[in-house]
Amino acid sequence: MSVKRNKEEIITDILEAIDNKINRISSIMKNVNLSASLAKKYLKILMENGLIEEKNGEYTLTESGRKVLGLLREKRKLEVELAVLFNEITKLLTKNGG
């Protein structure tokens, strides 16, 4: 069973790929698991928002793109930490009959 990603997750995955020098559309499609039409759609959105640039078929992060990627990485990290905390709380409440 595959989990459907939301727009933010797809954008994060694309920015991560480009940051890791996976910067041609075919490589991005394969690495991020997107169809050609979805890859083109999201790359266009990212370019229109000034997060990436394209030159000679290769995509690179702009300064804004690097900043946004850093914030998205921090958000993912915090989400994982929150999930761990909720898990611990649930275990304690269940253990104590609460």
PDB file of N, CA and C in Angstrom:
ATOM      1  N   MET A   1       0.845  -1.185   0.000  1.00  0.00           N
ATOM      2  CA  MET A   1       0.000   0.000   0.000  1.00  0.00           C
ATOM      3  C   MET A   1       0.887   1.244   0.000  1.00  0.00           C
ATOM      4  N   SER A   2       0.637   2.146  -0.912  1.00  0.00           N
ATOM      5  CA  SER A   2       1.425   3.372  -0.959  1.00  0.00           C
ATOM      6  C   SER A   2       0.657   4.502  -0.280  1.00  0.00           C
ATOM      7  N   VAL A   3       1.419   5.394   0.310  1.00  0.00           N
ATOM      8  CA  VAL A   3       0.827   6.540   0.981  1.00  0.00           C
ATOM      9  C   VAL A   3       0.896   7.727   0.030  1.00  0.00           C
ATOM     10  N   LYS A   4      -0.230   8.379  -0.170  1.00  0.00           N
ATOM     11  CA  LYS A   4      -0.278   9.526  -1.060  1.00  0.00           C
ATOM     12  C   LYS A   4       0.357  10.729  -0.377  1.00  0.00           C
ATOM     13  N   ARG A   5       1.293  11.358  -1.098  1.00  0.00           N
ATOM     14  CA  ARG A   5       1.972  12.535  -0.546  1.00  0.00           C
ATOM     15  C   ARG A   5       1.167  13.789  -0.841  1.00  0.00           C
ATOM     16  N   ASN A   6       1.279  14.754   0.065  1.00  0.00           N
ATOM     17  CA  ASN A   6       0.624  16.029  -0.190  1.00  0.00           C
ATOM     18  C   ASN A   6       1.578  16.944  -0.958  1.00  0.00           C
ATOM     19  N   LYS A   7       1.086  18.095  -1.329  1.00  0.00           N
ATOM     20  CA  LYS A   7       1.852  19.041  -2.143  1.00  0.00           C
ATOM     21  C   LYS A   7       3.165  19.424  -1.461  1.00  0.00           C
ATOM     22  N   GLU A   8       3.099  19.700  -0.169  1.00  0.00           N
ATOM     23  CA  GLU A   8       4.312  20.098   0.561  1.00  0.00           C
ATOM     24  C   GLU A   8       5.365  18.996   0.561  1.00  0.00           C
ATOM     25  N   GLU A   9       4.928  17.754   0.729  1.00  0.00           N
ATOM     26  CA  GLU A   9       5.870  16.634   0.736  1.00  0.00           C
ATOM     27  C   GLU A   9       6.532  16.450  -0.629  1.00  0.00           C
ATOM     28  N   ILE A  10       5.761  16.615  -1.685  1.00  0.00           N
ATOM     29  CA  ILE A  10       6.318  16.495  -3.038  1.00  0.00           C
ATOM     30  C   ILE A  10       7.331  17.612  -3.282  1.00  0.00           C
ATOM     31  N   ILE A  11       6.975  18.821  -2.898  1.00  0.00           N
ATOM     32  CA  ILE A  11       7.885  19.956  -3.074  1.00  0.00           C
ATOM     33  C   ILE A  11       9.164  19.737  -2.265  1.00  0.00           C
ATOM     34  N   THR A  12       9.028  19.266  -1.041  1.00  0.00           N
ATOM     35  CA  THR A  12      10.207  18.990  -0.210  1.00  0.00           C
ATOM     36  C   THR A  12      11.080  17.938  -0.883  1.00  0.00           C
ATOM     37  N   ASP A  13      10.471  16.877  -1.383  1.00  0.00           N
ATOM     38  CA  ASP A  13      11.228  15.808  -2.044  1.00  0.00           C
ATOM     39  C   ASP A  13      11.970  16.335  -3.276  1.00  0.00           C
ATOM     40  N   ILE A  14      11.325  17.201  -4.046  1.00  0.00           N
ATOM     41  CA  ILE A  14      11.972  17.770  -5.236  1.00  0.00           C
ATOM     42  C   ILE A  14      13.140  18.659  -4.822  1.00  0.00           C
ATOM     43  N   LEU A  15      12.931  19.525  -3.843  1.00  0.00           N
ATOM     44  CA  LEU A  15      14.014  20.400  -3.379  1.00  0.00           C
ATOM     45  C   LEU A  15      15.177  19.578  -2.827  1.00  0.00           C
ATOM     46  N   GLU A  16      14.873  18.525  -2.088  1.00  0.00           N
ATOM     47  CA  GLU A  16      15.919  17.634  -1.565  1.00  0.00           C
ATOM     48  C   GLU A  16      16.710  17.010  -2.708  1.00  0.00           C
ATOM     49  N   ALA A  17      16.002  16.540  -3.733  1.00  0.00           N
ATOM     50  CA  ALA A  17      16.672  15.911  -4.869  1.00  0.00           C
ATOM     51  C   ALA A  17      17.609  16.901  -5.551  1.00  0.00           C
ATOM     52  N   ILE A  18      17.112  18.091  -5.820  1.00  0.00           N
ATOM     53  CA  ILE A  18      17.933  19.105  -6.487  1.00  0.00           C
ATOM     54  C   ILE A  18      19.128  19.472  -5.616  1.00  0.00           C
ATOM     55  N   ASP A  19      18.921  19.575  -4.321  1.00  0.00           N
ATOM     56  CA  ASP A  19      20.021  19.879  -3.401  1.00  0.00           C
ATOM     57  C   ASP A  19      21.077  18.783  -3.422  1.00  0.00           C
ATOM     58  N   ASN A  20      20.664  17.547  -3.716  1.00  0.00           N
ATOM     59  CA  ASN A  20      21.577  16.405  -3.792  1.00  0.00           C
ATOM     60  C   ASN A  20      22.107  16.176  -5.210  1.00  0.00           C
ATOM     61  N   LYS A  21      22.057  17.219  -6.026  1.00  0.00           N
ATOM     62  CA  LYS A  21      22.599  17.206  -7.395  1.00  0.00           C
ATOM     63  C   LYS A  21      21.840  16.274  -8.335  1.00  0.00           C
ATOM     64  N   ILE A  22      20.616  15.952  -7.977  1.00  0.00           N
ATOM     65  CA  ILE A  22      19.717  15.228  -8.878  1.00  0.00           C
ATOM     66  C   ILE A  22      18.930  16.337  -9.557  1.00  0.00           C
ATOM     67  N   ASN A  23      19.441  16.814 -10.698  1.00  0.00           N
ATOM     68  CA  ASN A  23      18.944  18.088 -11.206  1.00  0.00           C
ATOM     69  C   ASN A  23      18.427  18.084 -12.639  1.00  0.00           C
ATOM     70  N   ARG A  24      18.291  16.936 -13.259  1.00  0.00           N
ATOM     71  CA  ARG A  24      17.648  16.859 -14.572  1.00  0.00           C
ATOM     72  C   ARG A  24      16.255  16.277 -14.384  1.00  0.00           C
ATOM     73  N   ILE A  25      15.343  16.694 -15.238  1.00  0.00           N
ATOM     74  CA  ILE A  25      13.940  16.300 -15.033  1.00  0.00           C
ATOM     75  C   ILE A  25      13.756  14.788 -14.965  1.00  0.00           C
ATOM     76  N   SER A  26      14.451  14.039 -15.812  1.00  0.00           N
ATOM     77  CA  SER A  26      14.289  12.580 -15.791  1.00  0.00           C
ATOM     78  C   SER A  26      14.785  11.986 -14.477  1.00  0.00           C
ATOM     79  N   SER A  27      15.882  12.513 -13.952  1.00  0.00           N
ATOM     80  CA  SER A  27      16.417  12.031 -12.676  1.00  0.00           C
ATOM     81  C   SER A  27      15.504  12.424 -11.519  1.00  0.00           C
ATOM     82  N   ILE A  28      14.964  13.628 -11.590  1.00  0.00           N
ATOM     83  CA  ILE A  28      14.035  14.082 -10.549  1.00  0.00           C
ATOM     84  C   ILE A  28      12.789  13.201 -10.555  1.00  0.00           C
ATOM     85  N   MET A  29      12.248  12.931 -11.754  1.00  0.00           N
ATOM     86  CA  MET A  29      11.063  12.079 -11.874  1.00  0.00           C
ATOM     87  C   MET A  29      11.304  10.717 -11.223  1.00  0.00           C
ATOM     88  N   LYS A  30      12.445  10.127 -11.538  1.00  0.00           N
ATOM     89  CA  LYS A  30      12.765   8.797 -11.014  1.00  0.00           C
ATOM     90  C   LYS A  30      12.989   8.837  -9.507  1.00  0.00           C
ATOM     91  N   ASN A  31      13.785   9.789  -9.037  1.00  0.00           N
ATOM     92  CA  ASN A  31      14.132   9.878  -7.626  1.00  0.00           C
ATOM     93  C   ASN A  31      12.945  10.224  -6.745  1.00  0.00           C
ATOM     94  N   VAL A  32      12.078  11.115  -7.239  1.00  0.00           N
ATOM     95  CA  VAL A  32      10.948  11.603  -6.450  1.00  0.00           C
ATOM     96  C   VAL A  32       9.675  10.807  -6.755  1.00  0.00           C
ATOM     97  N   ASN A  33       9.757   9.911  -7.740  1.00  0.00           N
ATOM     98  CA  ASN A  33       8.630   9.057  -8.130  1.00  0.00           C
ATOM     99  C   ASN A  33       7.433   9.881  -8.605  1.00  0.00           C
ATOM    100  N   LEU A  34       7.689  10.681  -9.659  1.00  0.00           N
ATOM    101  CA  LEU A  34       6.641  11.507 -10.257  1.00  0.00           C
ATOM    102  C   LEU A  34       6.525  11.217 -11.741  1.00  0.00           C
ATOM    103  N   SER A  35       5.331  11.377 -12.278  1.00  0.00           N
ATOM    104  CA  SER A  35       5.135  11.306 -13.721  1.00  0.00           C
ATOM    105  C   SER A  35       5.731  12.559 -14.351  1.00  0.00           C
ATOM    106  N   ALA A  36       5.918  12.530 -15.649  1.00  0.00           N
ATOM    107  CA  ALA A  36       6.473  13.689 -16.351  1.00  0.00           C
ATOM    108  C   ALA A  36       5.589  14.916 -16.161  1.00  0.00           C
ATOM    109  N   SER A  37       4.279  14.736 -16.264  1.00  0.00           N
ATOM    110  CA  SER A  37       3.381  15.888 -16.150  1.00  0.00           C
ATOM    111  C   SER A  37       3.413  16.491 -14.744  1.00  0.00           C
ATOM    112  N   LEU A  38       3.446  15.640 -13.714  1.00  0.00           N
ATOM    113  CA  LEU A  38       3.521  16.167 -12.346  1.00  0.00           C
ATOM    114  C   LEU A  38       4.874  16.818 -12.073  1.00  0.00           C
ATOM    115  N   ALA A  39       5.948  16.214 -12.566  1.00  0.00           N
ATOM    116  CA  ALA A  39       7.280  16.806 -12.377  1.00  0.00           C
ATOM    117  C   ALA A  39       7.320  18.191 -13.012  1.00  0.00           C
ATOM    118  N   LYS A  40       6.823  18.306 -14.239  1.00  0.00           N
ATOM    119  CA  LYS A  40       6.815  19.605 -14.927  1.00  0.00           C
ATOM    120  C   LYS A  40       5.967  20.624 -14.164  1.00  0.00           C
ATOM    121  N   LYS A  41       4.820  20.178 -13.665  1.00  0.00           N
ATOM    122  CA  LYS A  41       3.923  21.066 -12.911  1.00  0.00           C
ATOM    123  C   LYS A  41       4.623  21.625 -11.679  1.00  0.00           C
ATOM    124  N   TYR A  42       5.233  20.743 -10.897  1.00  0.00           N
ATOM    125  CA  TYR A  42       5.875  21.188  -9.666  1.00  0.00           C
ATOM    126  C   TYR A  42       7.143  21.994  -9.927  1.00  0.00           C
ATOM    127  N   LEU A  43       7.914  21.623 -10.936  1.00  0.00           N
ATOM    128  CA  LEU A  43       9.107  22.399 -11.263  1.00  0.00           C
ATOM    129  C   LEU A  43       8.710  23.809 -11.698  1.00  0.00           C
ATOM    130  N   LYS A  44       7.617  23.913 -12.437  1.00  0.00           N
ATOM    131  CA  LYS A  44       7.131  25.227 -12.855  1.00  0.00           C
ATOM    132  C   LYS A  44       6.730  26.062 -11.630  1.00  0.00           C
ATOM    133  N   ILE A  45       6.006  25.449 -10.701  1.00  0.00           N
ATOM    134  CA  ILE A  45       5.598  26.146  -9.477  1.00  0.00           C
ATOM    135  C   ILE A  45       6.828  26.638  -8.713  1.00  0.00           C
ATOM    136  N   LEU A  46       7.827  25.774  -8.578  1.00  0.00           N
ATOM    137  CA  LEU A  46       9.029  26.139  -7.841  1.00  0.00           C
ATOM    138  C   LEU A  46       9.797  27.263  -8.535  1.00  0.00           C
ATOM    139  N   MET A  47       9.835  27.240  -9.857  1.00  0.00           N
ATOM    140  CA  MET A  47      10.508  28.318 -10.591  1.00  0.00           C
ATOM    141  C   MET A  47       9.733  29.628 -10.455  1.00  0.00           C
ATOM    142  N   GLU A  48       8.417  29.560 -10.601  1.00  0.00           N
ATOM    143  CA  GLU A  48       7.585  30.764 -10.486  1.00  0.00           C
ATOM    144  C   GLU A  48       7.697  31.412  -9.109  1.00  0.00           C
ATOM    145  N   ASN A  49       7.976  30.602  -8.097  1.00  0.00           N
ATOM    146  CA  ASN A  49       8.115  31.113  -6.739  1.00  0.00           C
ATOM    147  C   ASN A  49       9.567  31.441  -6.378  1.00  0.00           C
ATOM    148  N   GLY A  50      10.449  31.338  -7.356  1.00  0.00           N
ATOM    149  CA  GLY A  50      11.837  31.730  -7.143  1.00  0.00           C
ATOM    150  C   GLY A  50      12.649  30.785  -6.270  1.00  0.00           C
ATOM    151  N   LEU A  51      12.221  29.529  -6.173  1.00  0.00           N
ATOM    152  CA  LEU A  51      12.932  28.574  -5.331  1.00  0.00           C
ATOM    153  C   LEU A  51      13.980  27.775  -6.098  1.00  0.00           C
ATOM    154  N   ILE A  52      13.790  27.652  -7.412  1.00  0.00           N
ATOM    155  CA  ILE A  52      14.768  26.961  -8.260  1.00  0.00           C
ATOM    156  C   ILE A  52      14.965  27.749  -9.540  1.00  0.00           C
ATOM    157  N   GLU A  53      16.086  27.450 -10.209  1.00  0.00           N
ATOM    158  CA  GLU A  53      16.381  28.026 -11.519  1.00  0.00           C
ATOM    159  C   GLU A  53      16.730  26.880 -12.461  1.00  0.00           C
ATOM    160  N   GLU A  54      16.497  27.090 -13.741  1.00  0.00           N
ATOM    161  CA  GLU A  54      16.829  26.088 -14.747  1.00  0.00           C
ATOM    162  C   GLU A  54      17.779  26.700 -15.754  1.00  0.00           C
ATOM    163  N   LYS A  55      18.853  25.980 -16.027  1.00  0.00           N
ATOM    164  CA  LYS A  55      19.806  26.414 -17.039  1.00  0.00           C
ATOM    165  C   LYS A  55      20.324  25.180 -17.761  1.00  0.00           C
ATOM    166  N   ASN A  56      20.158  25.168 -19.078  1.00  0.00           N
ATOM    167  CA  ASN A  56      20.608  24.043 -19.907  1.00  0.00           C
ATOM    168  C   ASN A  56      20.058  22.706 -19.426  1.00  0.00           C
ATOM    169  N   GLY A  57      18.794  22.706 -19.018  1.00  0.00           N
ATOM    170  CA  GLY A  57      18.152  21.462 -18.606  1.00  0.00           C
ATOM    171  C   GLY A  57      18.493  20.992 -17.208  1.00  0.00           C
ATOM    172  N   GLU A  58      19.239  21.790 -16.462  1.00  0.00           N
ATOM    173  CA  GLU A  58      19.592  21.426 -15.094  1.00  0.00           C
ATOM    174  C   GLU A  58      18.987  22.429 -14.110  1.00  0.00           C
ATOM    175  N   TYR A  59      18.468  21.907 -13.028  1.00  0.00           N
ATOM    176  CA  TYR A  59      17.827  22.734 -12.018  1.00  0.00           C
ATOM    177  C   TYR A  59      18.768  22.923 -10.831  1.00  0.00           C
ATOM    178  N   THR A  60      18.747  24.119 -10.271  1.00  0.00           N
ATOM    179  CA  THR A  60      19.521  24.417  -9.068  1.00  0.00           C
ATOM    180  C   THR A  60      18.643  25.198  -8.107  1.00  0.00           C
ATOM    181  N   LEU A  61      18.966  25.081  -6.819  1.00  0.00           N
ATOM    182  CA  LEU A  61      18.248  25.850  -5.807  1.00  0.00           C
ATOM    183  C   LEU A  61      18.732  27.292  -5.816  1.00  0.00           C
ATOM    184  N   THR A  62      17.820  28.201  -5.628  1.00  0.00           N
ATOM    185  CA  THR A  62      18.183  29.603  -5.408  1.00  0.00           C
ATOM    186  C   THR A  62      18.449  29.772  -3.909  1.00  0.00           C
ATOM    187  N   GLU A  63      18.872  30.944  -3.519  1.00  0.00           N
ATOM    188  CA  GLU A  63      19.066  31.219  -2.096  1.00  0.00           C
ATOM    189  C   GLU A  63      17.745  31.028  -1.345  1.00  0.00           C
ATOM    190  N   SER A  64      16.657  31.508  -1.927  1.00  0.00           N
ATOM    191  CA  SER A  64      15.327  31.317  -1.315  1.00  0.00           C
ATOM    192  C   SER A  64      14.981  29.841  -1.222  1.00  0.00           C
ATOM    193  N   GLY A  65      15.317  29.096  -2.250  1.00  0.00           N
ATOM    194  CA  GLY A  65      15.059  27.657  -2.255  1.00  0.00           C
ATOM    195  C   GLY A  65      15.808  26.937  -1.152  1.00  0.00           C
ATOM    196  N   ARG A  66      17.060  27.338  -0.931  1.00  0.00           N
ATOM    197  CA  ARG A  66      17.843  26.736   0.156  1.00  0.00           C
ATOM    198  C   ARG A  66      17.231  27.074   1.514  1.00  0.00           C
ATOM    199  N   LYS A  67      16.768  28.310   1.645  1.00  0.00           N
ATOM    200  CA  LYS A  67      16.156  28.731   2.915  1.00  0.00           C
ATOM    201  C   LYS A  67      14.866  27.950   3.173  1.00  0.00           C
ATOM    202  N   VAL A  68      14.024  27.840   2.162  1.00  0.00           N
ATOM    203  CA  VAL A  68      12.765  27.095   2.305  1.00  0.00           C
ATOM    204  C   VAL A  68      13.051  25.630   2.614  1.00  0.00           C
ATOM    205  N   LEU A  69      14.024  25.038   1.928  1.00  0.00           N
ATOM    206  CA  LEU A  69      14.366  23.640   2.187  1.00  0.00           C
ATOM    207  C   LEU A  69      14.832  23.468   3.630  1.00  0.00           C
ATOM    208  N   GLY A  70      15.628  24.386   4.135  1.00  0.00           N
ATOM    209  CA  GLY A  70      16.067  24.313   5.525  1.00  0.00           C
ATOM    210  C   GLY A  70      14.897  24.353   6.490  1.00  0.00           C
ATOM    211  N   LEU A  71      13.932  25.213   6.213  1.00  0.00           N
ATOM    212  CA  LEU A  71      12.742  25.303   7.067  1.00  0.00           C
ATOM    213  C   LEU A  71      11.893  24.034   6.977  1.00  0.00           C
ATOM    214  N   LEU A  72      11.764  23.479   5.776  1.00  0.00           N
ATOM    215  CA  LEU A  72      10.995  22.243   5.608  1.00  0.00           C
ATOM    216  C   LEU A  72      11.675  21.077   6.316  1.00  0.00           C
ATOM    217  N   ARG A  73      13.009  21.035   6.273  1.00  0.00           N
ATOM    218  CA  ARG A  73      13.744  19.988   6.999  1.00  0.00           C
ATOM    219  C   ARG A  73      13.499  20.117   8.500  1.00  0.00           C
ATOM    220  N   GLU A  74      13.540  21.343   9.000  1.00  0.00           N
ATOM    221  CA  GLU A  74      13.297  21.576  10.426  1.00  0.00           C
ATOM    222  C   GLU A  74      11.877  21.165  10.802  1.00  0.00           C
ATOM    223  N   LYS A  75      10.912  21.474   9.932  1.00  0.00           N
ATOM    224  CA  LYS A  75       9.517  21.095  10.188  1.00  0.00           C
ATOM    225  C   LYS A  75       9.380  19.578  10.263  1.00  0.00           C
ATOM    226  N   ARG A  76      10.003  18.860   9.322  1.00  0.00           N
ATOM    227  CA  ARG A  76       9.946  17.390   9.340  1.00  0.00           C
ATOM    228  C   ARG A  76      10.546  16.845  10.627  1.00  0.00           C
ATOM    229  N   LYS A  77      11.662  17.412  11.048  1.00  0.00           N
ATOM    230  CA  LYS A  77      12.324  16.969  12.272  1.00  0.00           C
ATOM    231  C   LYS A  77      11.404  17.164  13.472  1.00  0.00           C
ATOM    232  N   LEU A  78      10.756  18.323  13.553  1.00  0.00           N
ATOM    233  CA  LEU A  78       9.842  18.604  14.656  1.00  0.00           C
ATOM    234  C   LEU A  78       8.628  17.676  14.626  1.00  0.00           C
ATOM    235  N   GLU A  79       8.144  17.359  13.425  1.00  0.00           N
ATOM    236  CA  GLU A  79       6.997  16.435  13.312  1.00  0.00           C
ATOM    237  C   GLU A  79       7.356  15.051  13.854  1.00  0.00           C
ATOM    238  N   VAL A  80       8.576  14.609  13.577  1.00  0.00           N
ATOM    239  CA  VAL A  80       9.026  13.310  14.089  1.00  0.00           C
ATOM    240  C   VAL A  80       9.125  13.367  15.609  1.00  0.00           C
ATOM    241  N   GLU A  81       9.701  14.444  16.128  1.00  0.00           N
ATOM    242  CA  GLU A  81       9.822  14.591  17.579  1.00  0.00           C
ATOM    243  C   GLU A  81       8.454  14.614  18.248  1.00  0.00           C
ATOM    244  N   LEU A  82       7.496  15.308  17.636  1.00  0.00           N
ATOM    245  CA  LEU A  82       6.133  15.343  18.182  1.00  0.00           C
ATOM    246  C   LEU A  82       5.500  13.955  18.182  1.00  0.00           C
ATOM    247  N   ALA A  83       5.699  13.208  17.117  1.00  0.00           N
ATOM    248  CA  ALA A  83       5.133  11.858  17.027  1.00  0.00           C
ATOM    249  C   ALA A  83       5.689  10.979  18.142  1.00  0.00           C
ATOM    250  N   VAL A  84       6.976  11.112  18.429  1.00  0.00           N
ATOM    251  CA  VAL A  84       7.592  10.342  19.510  1.00  0.00           C
ATOM    252  C   VAL A  84       6.979  10.736  20.856  1.00  0.00           C
ATOM    253  N   LEU A  85       6.813  12.047  21.064  1.00  0.00           N
ATOM    254  CA  LEU A  85       6.210  12.511  22.325  1.00  0.00           C
ATOM    255  C   LEU A  85       4.779  11.997  22.491  1.00  0.00           C
ATOM    256  N   PHE A  86       3.988  12.072  21.435  1.00  0.00           N
ATOM    257  CA  PHE A  86       2.607  11.572  21.508  1.00  0.00           C
ATOM    258  C   PHE A  86       2.590  10.085  21.814  1.00  0.00           C
ATOM    259  N   ASN A  87       3.508   9.354  21.225  1.00  0.00           N
ATOM    260  CA  ASN A  87       3.613   7.918  21.458  1.00  0.00           C
ATOM    261  C   ASN A  87       3.915   7.640  22.920  1.00  0.00           C
ATOM    262  N   GLU A  88       4.882   8.374  23.480  1.00  0.00           N
ATOM    263  CA  GLU A  88       5.247   8.197  24.882  1.00  0.00           C
ATOM    264  C   GLU A  88       4.074   8.532  25.807  1.00  0.00           C
ATOM    265  N   ILE A  89       3.373   9.612  25.505  1.00  0.00           N
ATOM    266  CA  ILE A  89       2.223  10.012  26.306  1.00  0.00           C
ATOM    267  C   ILE A  89       1.147   8.925  26.265  1.00  0.00           C
ATOM    268  N   THR A  90       0.867   8.434  25.073  1.00  0.00           N
ATOM    269  CA  THR A  90      -0.144   7.380  24.912  1.00  0.00           C
ATOM    270  C   THR A  90       0.230   6.140  25.710  1.00  0.00           C
ATOM    271  N   LYS A  91       1.492   5.746  25.660  1.00  0.00           N
ATOM    272  CA  LYS A  91       1.947   4.577  26.425  1.00  0.00           C
ATOM    273  C   LYS A  91       1.767   4.800  27.922  1.00  0.00           C
ATOM    274  N   LEU A  92       2.128   5.986  28.404  1.00  0.00           N
ATOM    275  CA  LEU A  92       1.983   6.280  29.819  1.00  0.00           C
ATOM    276  C   LEU A  92       0.529   6.308  30.258  1.00  0.00           C
ATOM    277  N   LEU A  93      -0.322   6.891  29.443  1.00  0.00           N
ATOM    278  CA  LEU A  93      -1.745   6.928  29.797  1.00  0.00           C
ATOM    279  C   LEU A  93      -2.366   5.548  29.783  1.00  0.00           C
ATOM    280  N   THR A  94      -1.972   4.735  28.828  1.00  0.00           N
ATOM    281  CA  THR A  94      -2.495   3.387  28.727  1.00  0.00           C
ATOM    282  C   THR A  94      -1.982   2.525  29.899  1.00  0.00           C
ATOM    283  N   LYS A  95      -0.692   2.694  30.216  1.00  0.00           N
ATOM    284  CA  LYS A  95      -0.071   1.940  31.315  1.00  0.00           C
ATOM    285  C   LYS A  95      -0.723   2.252  32.655  1.00  0.00           C
ATOM    286  N   ASN A  96      -1.074   3.520  32.822  1.00  0.00           N
ATOM    287  CA  ASN A  96      -1.653   3.959  34.103  1.00  0.00           C
ATOM    288  C   ASN A  96      -3.174   3.876  34.118  1.00  0.00           C
ATOM    289  N   GLY A  97      -3.729   3.249  33.102  1.00  0.00           N
ATOM    290  CA  GLY A  97      -5.180   3.065  33.072  1.00  0.00           C
ATOM    291  C   GLY A  97      -5.957   4.331  32.783  1.00  0.00           C
ATOM    292  N   GLY A  98      -5.264   5.341  32.244  1.00  0.00           N
ATOM    293  CA  GLY A  98      -5.908   6.611  31.994  1.00  0.00           C
ATOM    294  C   GLY A  98      -6.462   6.671  30.655  1.00  0.00           C
TER     295      GLY A  98
END
